[in-house]
Every structure is written in structure tokens, then in C-alpha cells.
Amino acid sequence: MGDQFHIVCPDCLAVNRVPPARMEQNPRCGQCRQALFKGEPVAVDAAAFRRHVERNDIPVVVDFWASWCAPCRMFAPIFEQAASALEPHVRLVKLNTENEPALAAELGIRGIPTLAVFRHGQELARQAGVMDFQRFVNWVRQAA
């Protein structure tokens, strides 16, 4: 990591180098000029998931969900609210397991919602089920 963080753009997936002092100053992508942090989760497919998990120097928290899952829908606003509380120190992404069944199977996602924390491509923690906002934020901060 050195003296800069590698941050994947949520829009174009370019990898940006951001000095630590600039992380809190609403950095923008050098390629597409969009904000690197928008205070909301990033919806990803399998390719974008891999890019974020492998190339971000900050922890990536993934919400594995499906549209038919009532607990997933119940947790969605909590996950969205947590994005504003945790960015720019953590990236939150959502992966629809209906659209990416092969990736869900590869990762051993057996129930949803499942939440997982990754850093540099390695899974650090996993939690199945719904949490309230404070418990979720505390879990992420401990795991990351």
C-alpha cells in the first residue's frame, strides 16, 4: 500500500491511487472523473466483485442478496445507511446471487443475506442474517 491507497472506481472500475490525506476530501476517479465514494453501496456483477475485492486497499464488505428474499429487503436500508457511515475507510458492495449463482456457489454462499468482509482478496469475516445498524457497523469495524 505504501503512501497511497488503491481505490477502485465504482463507475468505471479504474484503479486510482489516492494519498491517505485525500481520502476524506471526496476524491474523484482520474479516468471518468466520478466520485470514488458516494455514500451508497455499489451494485456489482462477478467481474466487478473480483475487481473491488482484489484491487481495493480498503476492506470491501459484500452483501450477498436476492430480490425474492424478505430479510434481504429488510436489511437493504441498513446496508445503505452504513455506506455513508463507513466510507471512505470501507467499500460496501451488493451482489445479487440470482444473477451470479456460479460466484455464490464458488464462495460457499448457502443462505442469504450473507455479509462478508474482504481485504486484498482474502475473506476476513462472514455473517449470515440481518443485523441492526449499530451491530452491523460494529461488526464491520471489528472485522476490517
Protein backbone atom coordinates (compact mmCIF):
# COMPACT_ATOMS: atom_id res chain seq x y z
CA MET A 1 0.00 0.00 0.00
CA GLY A 2 2.81 2.41 0.84
CA ASP A 3 1.94 6.08 0.87
CA GLN A 4 -1.16 5.73 -1.34
CA PHE A 5 -4.36 3.69 -1.32
CA HIS A 6 -5.50 1.86 -4.43
CA ILE A 7 -9.22 2.56 -4.80
CA VAL A 8 -11.42 1.03 -7.48
CA CYS A 9 -13.84 3.47 -9.11
CA PRO A 10 -17.45 2.34 -8.57
CA ASP A 11 -18.37 3.61 -12.05
CA CYS A 12 -15.60 2.67 -14.50
CA LEU A 13 -13.62 0.18 -12.33
CA ALA A 14 -10.34 2.05 -12.90
CA VAL A 15 -7.84 1.65 -10.08
CA ASN A 16 -6.92 5.04 -8.60
CA ARG A 17 -4.01 5.94 -6.31
CA VAL A 18 -5.22 8.18 -3.50
CA PRO A 19 -2.92 9.64 -0.82
CA PRO A 20 -4.23 8.95 2.71
CA ALA A 21 -4.67 12.69 3.37
CA ARG A 22 -7.04 12.93 0.35
CA MET A 23 -9.28 10.01 1.31
CA GLU A 24 -11.57 12.30 3.35
CA GLN A 25 -11.64 15.02 0.66
CA ASN A 26 -14.11 13.43 -1.79
CA PRO A 27 -11.52 12.10 -4.26
CA ARG A 28 -12.55 11.62 -7.89
CA CYS A 29 -11.60 8.99 -10.43
CA GLY A 30 -8.69 10.00 -12.64
CA GLN A 31 -10.31 8.26 -15.61
CA CYS A 32 -14.06 9.05 -15.53
CA ARG A 33 -13.98 11.96 -13.02
CA GLN A 34 -16.82 10.46 -10.92
CA ALA A 35 -16.66 10.48 -7.12
CA LEU A 36 -14.81 7.46 -5.70
CA PHE A 37 -17.13 7.46 -2.67
CA LYS A 38 -20.81 8.27 -2.97
CA GLY A 39 -22.13 7.20 0.42
CA GLU A 40 -24.05 4.29 -1.08
CA PRO A 41 -23.39 0.62 -1.81
CA VAL A 42 -22.11 -0.35 -5.25
CA ALA A 43 -24.09 -3.00 -7.16
CA VAL A 44 -21.61 -5.44 -8.71
CA ASP A 45 -21.55 -8.42 -11.03
CA ALA A 46 -18.92 -11.18 -10.75
CA ALA A 47 -16.23 -9.26 -12.66
CA ALA A 48 -16.75 -6.04 -10.70
CA PHE A 49 -16.85 -8.03 -7.45
CA ARG A 50 -13.42 -9.52 -8.21
CA ARG A 51 -12.01 -6.14 -9.20
CA HIS A 52 -13.20 -4.47 -5.97
CA VAL A 53 -12.18 -7.34 -3.68
CA GLU A 54 -8.75 -7.87 -5.23
CA ARG A 55 -7.64 -4.32 -6.07
CA ASN A 56 -9.01 -2.06 -3.30
CA ASP A 57 -6.61 -1.38 -0.45
CA ILE A 58 -9.55 -0.68 1.85
CA PRO A 59 -11.76 -3.51 3.16
CA VAL A 60 -14.73 -4.45 0.97
CA VAL A 61 -17.97 -5.54 2.66
CA VAL A 62 -20.24 -7.60 0.44
CA ASP A 63 -23.98 -8.10 0.88
CA PHE A 64 -24.93 -11.32 -0.92
CA TRP A 65 -28.68 -10.99 -1.52
CA ALA A 66 -31.60 -11.87 -3.81
CA SER A 67 -34.72 -9.93 -4.80
CA TRP A 68 -37.12 -12.60 -3.51
CA CYS A 69 -35.52 -12.63 -0.03
CA ALA A 70 -37.63 -10.72 2.53
CA PRO A 71 -34.79 -10.44 5.11
CA CYS A 72 -32.53 -9.09 2.32
CA ARG A 73 -35.08 -6.39 1.52
CA MET A 74 -35.40 -5.61 5.24
CA PHE A 75 -31.60 -5.25 5.59
CA ALA A 76 -31.09 -3.15 2.41
CA PRO A 77 -31.77 0.27 4.04
CA ILE A 78 -29.42 -0.57 6.92
CA PHE A 79 -26.67 -1.52 4.45
CA GLU A 80 -27.26 1.72 2.52
CA GLN A 81 -27.10 3.82 5.68
CA ALA A 82 -23.89 2.06 6.73
CA ALA A 83 -22.19 3.06 3.47
CA SER A 84 -22.33 6.73 4.45
CA ALA A 85 -21.08 5.92 7.95
CA LEU A 86 -18.17 3.70 6.87
CA GLU A 87 -16.86 5.32 3.69
CA PRO A 88 -14.11 6.15 2.77
CA HIS A 89 -12.48 3.59 5.04
CA VAL A 90 -14.58 0.68 3.76
CA ARG A 91 -16.27 -0.04 0.40
CA LEU A 92 -19.76 -1.62 0.55
CA VAL A 93 -20.95 -3.66 -2.43
CA LYS A 94 -24.09 -5.68 -3.17
CA LEU A 95 -24.01 -8.87 -5.22
CA ASN A 96 -27.31 -10.38 -6.40
CA THR A 97 -26.85 -14.14 -6.05
CA GLU A 98 -29.69 -14.78 -8.54
CA ASN A 99 -27.64 -13.06 -11.23
CA GLU A 100 -24.33 -14.64 -10.17
CA PRO A 101 -25.09 -18.20 -8.99
CA ALA A 102 -21.68 -19.56 -10.04
CA LEU A 103 -19.83 -16.99 -7.91
CA ALA A 104 -22.18 -17.58 -4.97
CA ALA A 105 -21.52 -21.32 -5.22
CA GLU A 106 -17.74 -20.79 -5.54
CA LEU A 107 -17.77 -18.70 -2.35
CA GLY A 108 -19.98 -21.15 -0.49
CA ILE A 109 -22.90 -18.77 -0.01
CA ARG A 110 -25.63 -21.07 1.28
CA GLY A 111 -28.08 -18.64 2.85
CA ILE A 112 -28.96 -15.03 2.27
CA PRO A 113 -28.44 -12.42 3.28
CA THR A 114 -24.81 -13.27 3.88
CA LEU A 115 -22.34 -10.50 4.68
CA ALA A 116 -18.61 -10.92 4.15
CA VAL A 117 -15.58 -8.70 4.64
CA PHE A 118 -12.65 -8.99 2.21
CA ARG A 119 -9.25 -7.35 2.13
CA HIS A 120 -6.67 -7.87 -0.61
CA GLY A 121 -8.70 -10.77 -1.98
CA GLN A 122 -8.90 -12.65 1.32
CA GLU A 123 -12.12 -13.17 3.24
CA LEU A 124 -11.72 -11.89 6.80
CA ALA A 125 -15.19 -12.46 8.25
CA ARG A 126 -18.63 -13.76 7.35
CA GLN A 127 -22.03 -13.35 8.99
CA ALA A 128 -25.36 -14.74 7.84
CA GLY A 129 -28.63 -12.98 8.59
CA VAL A 130 -29.84 -9.49 9.37
CA MET A 131 -28.26 -7.12 11.89
CA ASP A 132 -29.41 -3.74 13.14
CA PHE A 133 -27.41 -0.69 12.08
CA GLN A 134 -25.16 -0.34 15.14
CA ARG A 135 -24.40 -4.04 15.40
CA PHE A 136 -23.57 -4.18 11.68
CA VAL A 137 -21.26 -1.13 11.80
CA ASN A 138 -19.51 -2.51 14.90
CA TRP A 139 -19.12 -5.93 13.22
CA VAL A 140 -17.57 -4.32 10.12
CA ARG A 141 -15.17 -2.18 12.17
CA GLN A 142 -14.04 -5.22 14.19
CA ALA A 143 -13.68 -7.46 11.14
CA ALA A 144 -11.93 -4.91 8.95
